[in-house]
């Protein structure tokens, strides 16, 4: 393994000079810098990033913790893409730690990134309770920003999306098209996003006089396959409904396949809508009506909070935007 001393010998300078060049701590003549960089290229030396950060007391890393339960799907890929994009825009590098499947593992992942001397850590928590998150935030030596979850005790350390309001927007649109009995396919629990969306769906049904919402509820796990199976279960249950609202686009697309197989044209005989505005929904037939979720804005705000480039007070809740396409039509009759 090539060391800094090997670089110094190759360049004909002292080890401390190589260190000063790499850390940018002191003024070094340009011709000496050129010798050091030439020696690094020739020897293949790879600086110890953590050691550099400890020496300079500066970090070029921003951490992200997320449970692997949401890896498989467009929401995760969009979130990670934007996290990397905004870190790079601020001359930082994204470093990722798996939160796995428990509060202890999520806390271990946060601790790992803090010990890696990250400038800050974004946490997409699924298992750590809010009081424990607030405690972690208060004790952390670096900023911790919680994504997609409201924290009453630490509002300036949370950037979240109002999923209840987003579901209200979608339900208002479906009901405006004449749909009264609207089935709902929920995602895998626990999920604050899903719970908020489901609650708004139920509240809207009750307000319109539908009092048997439990009979219109089906369980999914965020995948297309689960949406397909959930729609089959809804049809087999014998309940009347004219529209299906799924907690994400993948499940909505799976539901459309199941409905078509039963001879129900979408949207002529049954309307379907989802959430997240995944790209695949644009190119599906029929193109999917959905709610665009401001993931990009959420991540941008989080990165700016960590780097203290966003001086706004506690973030007001972000809200989704209705995207009307082809999968929802007017309801002629539910009889």
C-alpha atoms as a PDB file:
ATOM      1  CA  UNK A   1       0.000   0.000   0.000  1.00  0.00           C
ATOM      2  CA  UNK A   2       1.370   3.386  -1.063  1.00  0.00           C
ATOM      3  CA  UNK A   3       1.845   5.862   1.785  1.00  0.00           C
ATOM      4  CA  UNK A   4       2.357   9.588   2.052  1.00  0.00           C
ATOM      5  CA  UNK A   5       6.025   8.909   2.778  1.00  0.00           C
ATOM      6  CA  UNK A   6       6.348   7.111  -0.570  1.00  0.00           C
ATOM      7  CA  UNK A   7       4.900  10.196  -2.289  1.00  0.00           C
ATOM      8  CA  UNK A   8       7.369  12.442  -0.420  1.00  0.00           C
ATOM      9  CA  UNK A   9      10.334  10.328  -1.502  1.00  0.00           C
ATOM     10  CA  UNK A  10       9.152  10.274  -5.103  1.00  0.00           C
ATOM     11  CA  UNK A  11       8.682  14.049  -5.148  1.00  0.00           C
ATOM     12  CA  UNK A  12      11.912  14.745  -3.259  1.00  0.00           C
ATOM     13  CA  UNK A  13      10.134  16.698  -0.514  1.00  0.00           C
ATOM     14  CA  UNK A  14       9.291  16.105   3.130  1.00  0.00           C
ATOM     15  CA  UNK A  15       6.220  14.208   4.298  1.00  0.00           C
ATOM     16  CA  UNK A  16       4.957  17.380   5.981  1.00  0.00           C
ATOM     17  CA  UNK A  17       5.136  19.216   2.650  1.00  0.00           C
ATOM     18  CA  UNK A  18       2.964  16.534   1.020  1.00  0.00           C
ATOM     19  CA  UNK A  19       0.531  16.887   3.918  1.00  0.00           C
ATOM     20  CA  UNK A  20       0.386  20.671   3.506  1.00  0.00           C
ATOM     21  CA  UNK A  21      -0.317  20.311  -0.227  1.00  0.00           C
ATOM     22  CA  UNK A  22      -3.129  17.815   0.335  1.00  0.00           C
ATOM     23  CA  UNK A  23      -4.717  19.712   3.207  1.00  0.00           C
ATOM     24  CA  UNK A  24      -4.279  23.176   1.735  1.00  0.00           C
ATOM     25  CA  UNK A  25      -3.353  24.471   5.178  1.00  0.00           C
ATOM     26  CA  UNK A  26      -0.271  26.521   4.268  1.00  0.00           C
ATOM     27  CA  UNK A  27       1.094  28.311   1.227  1.00  0.00           C
ATOM     28  CA  UNK A  28       3.242  25.996  -0.873  1.00  0.00           C
ATOM     29  CA  UNK A  29       5.088  27.123  -3.992  1.00  0.00           C
ATOM     30  CA  UNK A  30       3.388  26.120  -7.237  1.00  0.00           C
ATOM     31  CA  UNK A  31       6.434  24.247  -8.508  1.00  0.00           C
ATOM     32  CA  UNK A  32       6.477  22.168  -5.288  1.00  0.00           C
ATOM     33  CA  UNK A  33       2.757  21.446  -5.639  1.00  0.00           C
ATOM     34  CA  UNK A  34       3.376  20.264  -9.199  1.00  0.00           C
ATOM     35  CA  UNK A  35       6.059  17.854  -7.968  1.00  0.00           C
ATOM     36  CA  UNK A  36       3.740  16.457  -5.311  1.00  0.00           C
ATOM     37  CA  UNK A  37       0.792  15.988  -7.677  1.00  0.00           C
ATOM     38  CA  UNK A  38       3.109  14.322 -10.232  1.00  0.00           C
ATOM     39  CA  UNK A  39       4.370  11.939  -7.526  1.00  0.00           C
ATOM     40  CA  UNK A  40       0.775  11.137  -6.468  1.00  0.00           C
ATOM     41  CA  UNK A  41      -0.091  10.234 -10.062  1.00  0.00           C
ATOM     42  CA  UNK A  42       3.044   8.102 -10.473  1.00  0.00           C
ATOM     43  CA  UNK A  43       2.674   6.209  -7.203  1.00  0.00           C
ATOM     44  CA  UNK A  44      -1.106   5.826  -7.313  1.00  0.00           C
ATOM     45  CA  UNK A  45      -1.422   7.233  -3.791  1.00  0.00           C
ATOM     46  CA  UNK A  46      -4.977   7.562  -2.458  1.00  0.00           C
ATOM     47  CA  UNK A  47      -5.265  10.059   0.410  1.00  0.00           C
ATOM     48  CA  UNK A  48      -7.056   8.989   3.592  1.00  0.00           C
ATOM     49  CA  UNK A  49     -10.198  11.117   3.352  1.00  0.00           C
ATOM     50  CA  UNK A  50     -11.110  10.780   7.013  1.00  0.00           C
ATOM     51  CA  UNK A  51      -7.592  11.728   8.120  1.00  0.00           C
ATOM     52  CA  UNK A  52      -7.676  14.786   5.862  1.00  0.00           C
ATOM     53  CA  UNK A  53     -10.977  15.896   7.331  1.00  0.00           C
ATOM     54  CA  UNK A  54      -9.683  15.468  10.870  1.00  0.00           C
ATOM     55  CA  UNK A  55      -6.603  17.519  10.004  1.00  0.00           C
ATOM     56  CA  UNK A  56      -8.440  20.349   8.267  1.00  0.00           C
ATOM     57  CA  UNK A  57     -11.531  20.270  10.517  1.00  0.00           C
ATOM     58  CA  UNK A  58     -13.560  20.522   7.300  1.00  0.00           C
ATOM     59  CA  UNK A  59     -15.816  17.885   5.817  1.00  0.00           C
ATOM     60  CA  UNK A  60     -16.788  17.350   2.213  1.00  0.00           C
ATOM     61  CA  UNK A  61     -19.268  14.606   3.110  1.00  0.00           C
ATOM     62  CA  UNK A  62     -23.001  14.677   3.736  1.00  0.00           C
ATOM     63  CA  UNK A  63     -24.618  11.511   5.079  1.00  0.00           C
ATOM     64  CA  UNK A  64     -27.932   9.864   4.276  1.00  0.00           C
ATOM     65  CA  UNK A  65     -29.625   7.164   6.382  1.00  0.00           C
ATOM     66  CA  UNK A  66     -32.550   5.260   4.929  1.00  0.00           C
ATOM     67  CA  UNK A  67     -34.049   1.874   5.697  1.00  0.00           C
ATOM     68  CA  UNK A  68     -33.681  -0.801   3.031  1.00  0.00           C
ATOM     69  CA  UNK A  69     -37.439  -1.398   3.104  1.00  0.00           C
ATOM     70  CA  UNK A  70     -37.866   1.377   0.529  1.00  0.00           C
ATOM     71  CA  UNK A  71     -34.893   0.600  -1.740  1.00  0.00           C
ATOM     72  CA  UNK A  72     -36.941  -1.119  -4.410  1.00  0.00           C
ATOM     73  CA  UNK A  73     -38.909   1.526  -6.255  1.00  0.00           C
ATOM     74  CA  UNK A  74     -38.867   4.907  -7.998  1.00  0.00           C
ATOM     75  CA  UNK A  75     -39.313   6.928  -4.787  1.00  0.00           C
ATOM     76  CA  UNK A  76     -35.973   5.736  -3.411  1.00  0.00           C
ATOM     77  CA  UNK A  77     -34.076   6.256  -6.659  1.00  0.00           C
ATOM     78  CA  UNK A  78     -35.476   9.786  -7.018  1.00  0.00           C
ATOM     79  CA  UNK A  79     -34.577  10.615  -3.420  1.00  0.00           C
ATOM     80  CA  UNK A  80     -30.985   9.342  -3.714  1.00  0.00           C
ATOM     81  CA  UNK A  81     -30.489  10.972  -7.117  1.00  0.00           C
ATOM     82  CA  UNK A  82     -31.500  14.368  -5.751  1.00  0.00           C
ATOM     83  CA  UNK A  83     -29.417  13.900  -2.605  1.00  0.00           C
ATOM     84  CA  UNK A  84     -26.320  13.227  -4.720  1.00  0.00           C
ATOM     85  CA  UNK A  85     -27.157  16.091  -7.096  1.00  0.00           C
ATOM     86  CA  UNK A  86     -27.500  18.755  -4.415  1.00  0.00           C
ATOM     87  CA  UNK A  87     -24.472  17.514  -2.470  1.00  0.00           C
ATOM     88  CA  UNK A  88     -22.402  17.810  -5.644  1.00  0.00           C
ATOM     89  CA  UNK A  89     -23.824  21.268  -6.364  1.00  0.00           C
ATOM     90  CA  UNK A  90     -22.381  22.381  -3.018  1.00  0.00           C
ATOM     91  CA  UNK A  91     -19.011  20.646  -3.579  1.00  0.00           C
ATOM     92  CA  UNK A  92     -19.849  17.824  -1.192  1.00  0.00           C
ATOM     93  CA  UNK A  93     -20.097  14.069  -1.657  1.00  0.00           C
ATOM     94  CA  UNK A  94     -23.036  11.931  -0.550  1.00  0.00           C
ATOM     95  CA  UNK A  95     -22.216   8.997   1.725  1.00  0.00           C
ATOM     96  CA  UNK A  96     -24.917   6.441   2.423  1.00  0.00           C
ATOM     97  CA  UNK A  97     -25.587   4.197   5.436  1.00  0.00           C
ATOM     98  CA  UNK A  98     -28.237   1.468   5.548  1.00  0.00           C
ATOM     99  CA  UNK A  99     -30.761   1.947   8.355  1.00  0.00           C
ATOM    100  CA  UNK A 100     -31.851  -1.690   7.941  1.00  0.00           C
ATOM    101  CA  UNK A 101     -34.954  -2.816   9.859  1.00  0.00           C
ATOM    102  CA  UNK A 102     -34.928  -1.493  13.432  1.00  0.00           C
ATOM    103  CA  UNK A 103     -34.565   1.686  15.467  1.00  0.00           C
ATOM    104  CA  UNK A 104     -31.241   0.420  16.863  1.00  0.00           C
ATOM    105  CA  UNK A 105     -29.846  -0.136  13.369  1.00  0.00           C
ATOM    106  CA  UNK A 106     -31.020   3.292  12.237  1.00  0.00           C
ATOM    107  CA  UNK A 107     -29.321   4.879  15.252  1.00  0.00           C
ATOM    108  CA  UNK A 108     -26.134   2.916  14.523  1.00  0.00           C
ATOM    109  CA  UNK A 109     -26.178   4.204  10.955  1.00  0.00           C
ATOM    110  CA  UNK A 110     -26.519   7.814  12.144  1.00  0.00           C
ATOM    111  CA  UNK A 111     -23.673   7.309  14.632  1.00  0.00           C
ATOM    112  CA  UNK A 112     -21.470   5.820  11.894  1.00  0.00           C
ATOM    113  CA  UNK A 113     -21.938   8.856   9.649  1.00  0.00           C
ATOM    114  CA  UNK A 114     -21.329  11.283  12.515  1.00  0.00           C
ATOM    115  CA  UNK A 115     -18.090   9.436  13.344  1.00  0.00           C
ATOM    116  CA  UNK A 116     -17.135   9.678   9.671  1.00  0.00           C
ATOM    117  CA  UNK A 117     -17.048  13.434  10.267  1.00  0.00           C
ATOM    118  CA  UNK A 118     -19.881  14.231   7.861  1.00  0.00           C
ATOM    119  CA  UNK A 119     -20.855  17.888   7.676  1.00  0.00           C
ATOM    120  CA  UNK A 120     -24.376  16.733   8.496  1.00  0.00           C
ATOM    121  CA  UNK A 121     -26.730  13.788   8.145  1.00  0.00           C
ATOM    122  CA  UNK A 122     -30.116  13.455   6.426  1.00  0.00           C
ATOM    123  CA  UNK A 123     -32.269  10.771   8.041  1.00  0.00           C
ATOM    124  CA  UNK A 124     -35.239   9.077   6.382  1.00  0.00           C
ATOM    125  CA  UNK A 125     -36.335   7.331   9.577  1.00  0.00           C
ATOM    126  CA  UNK A 126     -38.832   4.499   9.630  1.00  0.00           C
ATOM    127  CA  UNK A 127     -38.270   3.022  13.081  1.00  0.00           C
ATOM    128  CA  UNK A 128     -36.801   5.654  15.437  1.00  0.00           C
ATOM    129  CA  UNK A 129     -39.658   7.350  17.349  1.00  0.00           C
ATOM    130  CA  UNK A 130     -39.943  11.130  17.214  1.00  0.00           C
ATOM    131  CA  UNK A 131     -38.819  11.736  20.848  1.00  0.00           C
ATOM    132  CA  UNK A 132     -35.663   9.693  20.231  1.00  0.00           C
ATOM    133  CA  UNK A 133     -34.985  11.600  16.991  1.00  0.00           C
ATOM    134  CA  UNK A 134     -35.264  14.873  18.907  1.00  0.00           C
ATOM    135  CA  UNK A 135     -32.769  13.565  21.479  1.00  0.00           C
ATOM    136  CA  UNK A 136     -30.311  12.509  18.752  1.00  0.00           C
ATOM    137  CA  UNK A 137     -30.611  15.934  17.136  1.00  0.00           C
ATOM    138  CA  UNK A 138     -29.978  17.778  20.408  1.00  0.00           C
ATOM    139  CA  UNK A 139     -26.880  15.688  21.211  1.00  0.00           C
ATOM    140  CA  UNK A 140     -25.316  15.545  17.753  1.00  0.00           C
ATOM    141  CA  UNK A 141     -22.151  17.572  17.046  1.00  0.00           C
ATOM    142  CA  UNK A 142     -23.311  18.033  13.430  1.00  0.00           C
ATOM    143  CA  UNK A 143     -26.709  19.004  11.974  1.00  0.00           C
ATOM    144  CA  UNK A 144     -29.233  16.174  11.666  1.00  0.00           C
ATOM    145  CA  UNK A 145     -32.110  16.816   9.247  1.00  0.00           C
ATOM    146  CA  UNK A 146     -35.080  14.438   9.310  1.00  0.00           C
ATOM    147  CA  UNK A 147     -36.740  13.870   5.947  1.00  0.00           C
ATOM    148  CA  UNK A 148     -40.436  13.378   5.245  1.00  0.00           C
ATOM    149  CA  UNK A 149     -41.483  13.516   8.887  1.00  0.00           C
ATOM    150  CA  UNK A 150     -42.737  16.392  11.032  1.00  0.00           C
ATOM    151  CA  UNK A 151     -40.960  16.918  14.350  1.00  0.00           C
ATOM    152  CA  UNK A 152     -42.856  19.178  16.721  1.00  0.00           C
ATOM    153  CA  UNK A 153     -39.924  19.283  19.164  1.00  0.00           C
ATOM    154  CA  UNK A 154     -37.346  20.181  16.482  1.00  0.00           C
ATOM    155  CA  UNK A 155     -39.183  21.886  13.603  1.00  0.00           C
ATOM    156  CA  UNK A 156     -36.045  23.470  12.134  1.00  0.00           C
ATOM    157  CA  UNK A 157     -34.467  19.999  11.836  1.00  0.00           C
ATOM    158  CA  UNK A 158     -37.280  18.476   9.752  1.00  0.00           C
ATOM    159  CA  UNK A 159     -38.214  18.908   6.106  1.00  0.00           C
ATOM    160  CA  UNK A 160     -41.456  17.150   5.379  1.00  0.00           C
ATOM    161  CA  UNK A 161     -44.245  16.736   2.853  1.00  0.00           C
ATOM    162  CA  UNK A 162     -47.868  17.168   3.868  1.00  0.00           C
ATOM    163  CA  UNK A 163     -49.136  13.804   2.635  1.00  0.00           C
ATOM    164  CA  UNK A 164     -52.529  14.306   4.266  1.00  0.00           C
ATOM    165  CA  UNK A 165     -53.124  17.436   2.206  1.00  0.00           C
ATOM    166  CA  UNK A 166     -51.842  15.708  -0.908  1.00  0.00           C
ATOM    167  CA  UNK A 167     -54.329  12.886  -0.446  1.00  0.00           C
ATOM    168  CA  UNK A 168     -57.087  15.447   0.105  1.00  0.00           C
ATOM    169  CA  UNK A 169     -56.191  17.019  -3.247  1.00  0.00           C
ATOM    170  CA  UNK A 170     -56.432  13.659  -4.979  1.00  0.00           C
ATOM    171  CA  UNK A 171     -59.704  12.739  -3.268  1.00  0.00           C
ATOM    172  CA  UNK A 172     -61.202  16.128  -4.112  1.00  0.00           C
ATOM    173  CA  UNK A 173     -60.363  15.525  -7.762  1.00  0.00           C
ATOM    174  CA  UNK A 174     -61.832  12.004  -7.785  1.00  0.00           C
ATOM    175  CA  UNK A 175     -64.994  13.143  -6.042  1.00  0.00           C
ATOM    176  CA  UNK A 176     -65.318  16.076  -8.453  1.00  0.00           C
ATOM    177  CA  UNK A 177     -65.438  13.488 -11.258  1.00  0.00           C
ATOM    178  CA  UNK A 178     -68.482  11.956  -9.566  1.00  0.00           C
ATOM    179  CA  UNK A 179     -66.763   9.098  -7.741  1.00  0.00           C
ATOM    180  CA  UNK A 180     -68.278   8.401  -4.350  1.00  0.00           C
ATOM    181  CA  UNK A 181     -67.135   4.923  -3.394  1.00  0.00           C
ATOM    182  CA  UNK A 182     -63.363   4.986  -3.833  1.00  0.00           C
ATOM    183  CA  UNK A 183     -61.223   1.987  -2.869  1.00  0.00           C
ATOM    184  CA  UNK A 184     -57.762   2.475  -1.390  1.00  0.00           C
ATOM    185  CA  UNK A 185     -54.650   0.269  -1.682  1.00  0.00           C
ATOM    186  CA  UNK A 186     -52.257   1.083   1.126  1.00  0.00           C
ATOM    187  CA  UNK A 187     -48.524   0.404   1.261  1.00  0.00           C
ATOM    188  CA  UNK A 188     -46.485  -1.632   3.702  1.00  0.00           C
ATOM    189  CA  UNK A 189     -46.714  -0.438   7.290  1.00  0.00           C
ATOM    190  CA  UNK A 190     -45.352   1.338   9.246  1.00  0.00           C
ATOM    191  CA  UNK A 191     -45.241   4.363   6.966  1.00  0.00           C
ATOM    192  CA  UNK A 192     -46.112   7.915   8.061  1.00  0.00           C
ATOM    193  CA  UNK A 193     -46.711   8.849   4.405  1.00  0.00           C
ATOM    194  CA  UNK A 194     -49.162   6.005   3.932  1.00  0.00           C
ATOM    195  CA  UNK A 195     -50.915   6.626   7.252  1.00  0.00           C
ATOM    196  CA  UNK A 196     -51.519  10.273   6.362  1.00  0.00           C
ATOM    197  CA  UNK A 197     -52.770   9.436   2.875  1.00  0.00           C
ATOM    198  CA  UNK A 198     -55.047   6.714   4.176  1.00  0.00           C
ATOM    199  CA  UNK A 199     -56.470   8.976   6.885  1.00  0.00           C
ATOM    200  CA  UNK A 200     -57.337  11.696   4.356  1.00  0.00           C
ATOM    201  CA  UNK A 201     -58.972   9.088   2.084  1.00  0.00           C
ATOM    202  CA  UNK A 202     -61.060   7.799   4.981  1.00  0.00           C
ATOM    203  CA  UNK A 203     -62.001  11.288   6.201  1.00  0.00           C
ATOM    204  CA  UNK A 204     -63.149  12.290   2.726  1.00  0.00           C
ATOM    205  CA  UNK A 205     -65.259   9.145   2.385  1.00  0.00           C
ATOM    206  CA  UNK A 206     -66.916   9.684   5.765  1.00  0.00           C
ATOM    207  CA  UNK A 207     -67.598  13.345   4.958  1.00  0.00           C
ATOM    208  CA  UNK A 208     -69.377  12.255   1.768  1.00  0.00           C
ATOM    209  CA  UNK A 209     -71.543   9.722   3.625  1.00  0.00           C
ATOM    210  CA  UNK A 210     -69.584   6.519   2.944  1.00  0.00           C
ATOM    211  CA  UNK A 211     -69.364   4.756   6.301  1.00  0.00           C
ATOM    212  CA  UNK A 212     -67.934   1.360   5.324  1.00  0.00           C
ATOM    213  CA  UNK A 213     -64.417   2.409   4.309  1.00  0.00           C
ATOM    214  CA  UNK A 214     -62.879  -0.731   5.831  1.00  0.00           C
ATOM    215  CA  UNK A 215     -64.570  -2.788   3.127  1.00  0.00           C
ATOM    216  CA  UNK A 216     -62.906  -0.612   0.479  1.00  0.00           C
ATOM    217  CA  UNK A 217     -59.384  -0.956   1.920  1.00  0.00           C
ATOM    218  CA  UNK A 218     -56.790  -3.396   0.528  1.00  0.00           C
ATOM    219  CA  UNK A 219     -53.233  -4.122   1.621  1.00  0.00           C
ATOM    220  CA  UNK A 220     -50.196  -3.731  -0.628  1.00  0.00           C
ATOM    221  CA  UNK A 221     -46.455  -3.502  -0.079  1.00  0.00           C
ATOM    222  CA  UNK A 222     -45.576  -0.701  -2.572  1.00  0.00           C
ATOM    223  CA  UNK A 223     -44.805  -3.131  -5.439  1.00  0.00           C
ATOM    224  CA  UNK A 224     -46.726  -3.552  -8.714  1.00  0.00           C
ATOM    225  CA  UNK A 225     -47.355  -7.177  -7.825  1.00  0.00           C
ATOM    226  CA  UNK A 226     -49.019  -6.186  -4.554  1.00  0.00           C
ATOM    227  CA  UNK A 227     -51.204  -3.626  -6.331  1.00  0.00           C
ATOM    228  CA  UNK A 228     -52.264  -6.335  -8.765  1.00  0.00           C
ATOM    229  CA  UNK A 229     -53.173  -8.723  -5.929  1.00  0.00           C
ATOM    230  CA  UNK A 230     -54.897  -5.990  -3.911  1.00  0.00           C
ATOM    231  CA  UNK A 231     -57.131  -5.055  -6.851  1.00  0.00           C
ATOM    232  CA  UNK A 232     -58.012  -8.708  -7.316  1.00  0.00           C
ATOM    233  CA  UNK A 233     -58.969  -8.899  -3.625  1.00  0.00           C
ATOM    234  CA  UNK A 234     -61.133  -5.784  -3.905  1.00  0.00           C
ATOM    235  CA  UNK A 235     -63.008  -7.211  -6.873  1.00  0.00           C
ATOM    236  CA  UNK A 236     -63.432 -10.575  -5.156  1.00  0.00           C
ATOM    237  CA  UNK A 237     -64.871  -8.836  -2.087  1.00  0.00           C
ATOM    238  CA  UNK A 238     -68.016  -7.926  -3.977  1.00  0.00           C
ATOM    239  CA  UNK A 239     -68.051  -4.277  -2.859  1.00  0.00           C
ATOM    240  CA  UNK A 240     -69.234  -1.523  -5.193  1.00  0.00           C
ATOM    241  CA  UNK A 241     -66.651   1.109  -6.121  1.00  0.00           C
ATOM    242  CA  UNK A 242     -65.911   3.164  -9.217  1.00  0.00           C
ATOM    243  CA  UNK A 243     -62.330   4.263  -8.536  1.00  0.00           C
ATOM    244  CA  UNK A 244     -59.138   2.914  -6.980  1.00  0.00           C
ATOM    245  CA  UNK A 245     -56.621   5.184  -5.247  1.00  0.00           C
ATOM    246  CA  UNK A 246     -53.269   3.504  -4.586  1.00  0.00           C
ATOM    247  CA  UNK A 247     -50.674   4.829  -2.140  1.00  0.00           C
ATOM    248  CA  UNK A 248     -48.016   4.887  -4.865  1.00  0.00           C
ATOM    249  CA  UNK A 249     -47.839   4.686  -8.649  1.00  0.00           C
ATOM    250  CA  UNK A 250     -46.374   1.168  -8.800  1.00  0.00           C
ATOM    251  CA  UNK A 251     -49.386  -0.282  -6.975  1.00  0.00           C
ATOM    252  CA  UNK A 252     -51.753   1.774  -9.140  1.00  0.00           C
ATOM    253  CA  UNK A 253     -50.213   0.302 -12.303  1.00  0.00           C
ATOM    254  CA  UNK A 254     -50.500  -3.204 -10.884  1.00  0.00           C
ATOM    255  CA  UNK A 255     -54.150  -2.518 -10.091  1.00  0.00           C
ATOM    256  CA  UNK A 256     -54.821  -1.410 -13.681  1.00  0.00           C
ATOM    257  CA  UNK A 257     -53.521  -4.724 -14.991  1.00  0.00           C
ATOM    258  CA  UNK A 258     -55.807  -6.676 -12.639  1.00  0.00           C
ATOM    259  CA  UNK A 259     -58.825  -4.581 -13.606  1.00  0.00           C
ATOM    260  CA  UNK A 260     -58.164  -5.018 -17.324  1.00  0.00           C
ATOM    261  CA  UNK A 261     -57.873  -8.777 -16.897  1.00  0.00           C
ATOM    262  CA  UNK A 262     -61.370  -8.748 -15.401  1.00  0.00           C
ATOM    263  CA  UNK A 263     -62.722  -6.906 -18.441  1.00  0.00           C
ATOM    264  CA  UNK A 264     -62.903  -3.494 -16.716  1.00  0.00           C
ATOM    265  CA  UNK A 265     -61.624  -0.771 -19.043  1.00  0.00           C
ATOM    266  CA  UNK A 266     -59.712   2.086 -17.429  1.00  0.00           C
ATOM    267  CA  UNK A 267     -61.013   4.775 -17.155  1.00  0.00           C
ATOM    268  CA  UNK A 268     -64.307   3.921 -18.894  1.00  0.00           C
ATOM    269  CA  UNK A 269     -65.435   1.334 -16.330  1.00  0.00           C
ATOM    270  CA  UNK A 270     -63.025   2.040 -13.455  1.00  0.00           C
ATOM    271  CA  UNK A 271     -60.767   4.985 -12.615  1.00  0.00           C
ATOM    272  CA  UNK A 272     -57.317   4.567 -11.045  1.00  0.00           C
ATOM    273  CA  UNK A 273     -54.930   7.102  -9.515  1.00  0.00           C
ATOM    274  CA  UNK A 274     -51.668   6.990  -7.576  1.00  0.00           C
ATOM    275  CA  UNK A 275     -49.011   9.066  -5.849  1.00  0.00           C
ATOM    276  CA  UNK A 276     -45.353  10.022  -6.572  1.00  0.00           C
ATOM    277  CA  UNK A 277     -45.478  10.834 -10.325  1.00  0.00           C
ATOM    278  CA  UNK A 278     -43.093   8.022 -11.291  1.00  0.00           C
ATOM    279  CA  UNK A 279     -41.844   8.276 -14.879  1.00  0.00           C
ATOM    280  CA  UNK A 280     -43.347   4.924 -15.852  1.00  0.00           C
ATOM    281  CA  UNK A 281     -46.839   6.319 -15.294  1.00  0.00           C
ATOM    282  CA  UNK A 282     -46.402   8.799 -18.163  1.00  0.00           C
ATOM    283  CA  UNK A 283     -45.775   6.038 -20.685  1.00  0.00           C
ATOM    284  CA  UNK A 284     -48.326   3.525 -19.435  1.00  0.00           C
ATOM    285  CA  UNK A 285     -51.650   3.025 -21.237  1.00  0.00           C
ATOM    286  CA  UNK A 286     -53.695   4.746 -19.991  1.00  0.00           C
ATOM    287  CA  UNK A 287     -51.235   7.333 -18.691  1.00  0.00           C
ATOM    288  CA  UNK A 288     -51.583   7.504 -14.909  1.00  0.00           C
ATOM    289  CA  UNK A 289     -53.217  10.371 -13.025  1.00  0.00           C
ATOM    290  CA  UNK A 290     -51.072  10.963  -9.942  1.00  0.00           C
ATOM    291  CA  UNK A 291     -49.780  13.436  -7.377  1.00  0.00           C
ATOM    292  CA  UNK A 292     -46.317  14.845  -7.989  1.00  0.00           C
ATOM    293  CA  UNK A 293     -44.332  14.756  -4.728  1.00  0.00           C
ATOM    294  CA  UNK A 294     -41.733  17.551  -4.230  1.00  0.00           C
ATOM    295  CA  UNK A 295     -38.829  15.238  -3.354  1.00  0.00           C
ATOM    296  CA  UNK A 296     -36.339  17.512  -5.103  1.00  0.00           C
ATOM    297  CA  UNK A 297     -37.397  20.529  -3.051  1.00  0.00           C
ATOM    298  CA  UNK A 298     -37.317  18.508   0.168  1.00  0.00           C
ATOM    299  CA  UNK A 299     -33.734  17.317  -0.441  1.00  0.00           C
ATOM    300  CA  UNK A 300     -32.513  20.723  -1.601  1.00  0.00           C
ATOM    301  CA  UNK A 301     -33.859  22.315   1.577  1.00  0.00           C
ATOM    302  CA  UNK A 302     -32.258  19.611   3.745  1.00  0.00           C
ATOM    303  CA  UNK A 303     -28.806  20.016   2.158  1.00  0.00           C
ATOM    304  CA  UNK A 304     -29.005  23.802   2.462  1.00  0.00           C
ATOM    305  CA  UNK A 305     -29.999  23.486   6.122  1.00  0.00           C
ATOM    306  CA  UNK A 306     -26.982  21.266   6.810  1.00  0.00           C
ATOM    307  CA  UNK A 307     -24.597  23.689   5.106  1.00  0.00           C
ATOM    308  CA  UNK A 308     -26.329  26.720   6.619  1.00  0.00           C
ATOM    309  CA  UNK A 309     -27.057  28.262   3.234  1.00  0.00           C
ATOM    310  CA  UNK A 310     -30.804  28.333   3.888  1.00  0.00           C
ATOM    311  CA  UNK A 311     -31.607  30.982   6.483  1.00  0.00           C
ATOM    312  CA  UNK A 312     -35.350  30.427   6.444  1.00  0.00           C
ATOM    313  CA  UNK A 313     -37.021  29.527   9.737  1.00  0.00           C
ATOM    314  CA  UNK A 314     -38.706  26.164  10.232  1.00  0.00           C
ATOM    315  CA  UNK A 315     -39.875  24.915   6.852  1.00  0.00           C
ATOM    316  CA  UNK A 316     -43.559  25.064   6.113  1.00  0.00           C
ATOM    317  CA  UNK A 317     -44.867  21.731   4.889  1.00  0.00           C
ATOM    318  CA  UNK A 318     -44.287  20.986   1.233  1.00  0.00           C
ATOM    319  CA  UNK A 319     -47.299  19.816  -0.737  1.00  0.00           C
ATOM    320  CA  UNK A 320     -47.786  17.725  -3.852  1.00  0.00           C
ATOM    321  CA  UNK A 321     -49.266  18.847  -7.177  1.00  0.00           C
ATOM    322  CA  UNK A 322     -52.059  17.069  -9.040  1.00  0.00           C
ATOM    323  CA  UNK A 323     -51.018  15.632 -12.422  1.00  0.00           C
ATOM    324  CA  UNK A 324     -54.109  14.854 -14.517  1.00  0.00           C
ATOM    325  CA  UNK A 325     -53.646  12.266 -17.245  1.00  0.00           C
ATOM    326  CA  UNK A 326     -55.854   9.528 -18.720  1.00  0.00           C
ATOM    327  CA  UNK A 327     -56.565   6.962 -15.990  1.00  0.00           C
ATOM    328  CA  UNK A 328     -59.408   8.891 -14.295  1.00  0.00           C
ATOM    329  CA  UNK A 329     -62.717   9.546 -15.999  1.00  0.00           C
ATOM    330  CA  UNK A 330     -66.191  10.735 -15.111  1.00  0.00           C
ATOM    331  CA  UNK A 331     -68.281   8.343 -13.061  1.00  0.00           C
ATOM    332  CA  UNK A 332     -71.571   7.684 -14.846  1.00  0.00           C
ATOM    333  CA  UNK A 333     -73.037   5.412 -12.164  1.00  0.00           C
ATOM    334  CA  UNK A 334     -71.944   3.175  -9.319  1.00  0.00           C
ATOM    335  CA  UNK A 335     -75.115   1.100  -9.353  1.00  0.00           C
END
